Amino acid sequence: MMIELRKAGILSVAQVPIEVFYDKEVTIGKYFADILVDNKVIVEIKAIKILGEDNEAQLLNYLKTTEI
């Protein structure tokens, strides 16, 4: 995926450390995004047949806590 994003000229970085915030002020840790596209979109790569509710909840939590 990274190769295709680069070929398309889309800014993307793999395994980006992103600070996780609580209450928009306190840094409580770091999360490593599989791919961060244009500093706006988190791509999580999963090696499973079907995405479950737990996968969706994980990604929504990342989006909320990282303020992306």
Protein backbone atom coordinates (compact mmCIF):
# COMPACT_ATOMS: atom_id res chain seq x y z
CA MET A 1 0.00 0.00 0.00
CA MET A 2 2.83 2.40 0.84
CA ILE A 3 4.34 1.89 -2.61
CA GLU A 4 1.06 2.75 -4.34
CA LEU A 5 0.51 5.82 -2.16
CA ARG A 6 4.01 7.08 -2.98
CA LYS A 7 3.53 6.38 -6.69
CA ALA A 8 0.34 8.46 -6.55
CA GLY A 9 2.22 11.31 -4.86
CA ILE A 10 0.20 11.01 -1.66
CA LEU A 11 2.04 11.90 1.54
CA SER A 12 2.03 8.84 3.78
CA VAL A 13 4.16 7.51 6.61
CA ALA A 14 4.22 4.02 8.14
CA GLN A 15 4.32 3.22 11.88
CA VAL A 16 3.85 6.81 12.99
CA PRO A 17 3.92 7.43 16.75
CA ILE A 18 0.90 9.54 17.66
CA GLU A 19 0.34 11.01 21.10
CA VAL A 20 -2.85 9.95 22.81
CA PHE A 21 -4.61 12.66 24.80
CA TYR A 22 -7.06 12.61 27.65
CA ASP A 23 -9.38 15.56 28.06
CA LYS A 24 -7.52 17.36 25.22
CA GLU A 25 -4.71 18.30 27.58
CA VAL A 26 -2.90 15.39 29.14
CA THR A 27 -0.74 13.05 27.07
CA ILE A 28 -1.41 9.54 28.34
CA GLY A 29 0.67 7.53 25.90
CA LYS A 30 1.50 6.82 22.29
CA TYR A 31 -0.24 4.81 19.63
CA PHE A 32 1.54 3.65 16.46
CA ALA A 33 -0.63 4.08 13.38
CA ASP A 34 0.00 1.50 10.66
CA ILE A 35 -0.15 4.27 8.04
CA LEU A 36 -0.88 7.97 8.42
CA VAL A 37 -2.03 9.53 5.15
CA ASP A 38 -1.59 13.29 4.66
CA ASN A 39 -1.63 13.71 8.45
CA LYS A 40 -5.42 13.31 8.24
CA VAL A 41 -6.31 9.64 7.75
CA ILE A 42 -5.29 6.65 9.86
CA VAL A 43 -5.07 3.34 7.99
CA GLU A 44 -5.16 0.24 10.17
CA ILE A 45 -4.14 -2.93 8.37
CA LYS A 46 -5.80 -6.10 9.68
CA ALA A 47 -5.01 -9.69 8.71
CA ILE A 48 -8.47 -11.08 9.42
CA LYS A 49 -11.35 -12.26 7.25
CA ILE A 50 -14.08 -10.09 8.75
CA LEU A 51 -13.85 -6.85 10.72
CA GLY A 52 -15.74 -7.04 13.97
CA GLU A 53 -17.22 -4.48 16.29
CA ASP A 54 -14.07 -4.59 18.43
CA ASN A 55 -11.97 -3.50 15.42
CA GLU A 56 -14.34 -0.62 14.72
CA ALA A 57 -14.30 0.41 18.38
CA GLN A 58 -10.48 0.34 18.38
CA LEU A 59 -10.24 2.65 15.39
CA LEU A 60 -12.90 5.04 16.71
CA ASN A 61 -11.01 5.20 19.99
CA TYR A 62 -7.77 6.02 18.14
CA LEU A 63 -9.49 8.80 16.22
CA LYS A 64 -11.01 10.32 19.36
CA THR A 65 -7.88 10.16 21.47
CA THR A 66 -5.45 11.36 18.81
CA GLU A 67 -7.58 14.33 17.66
CA ILE A 68 -7.05 13.49 13.99
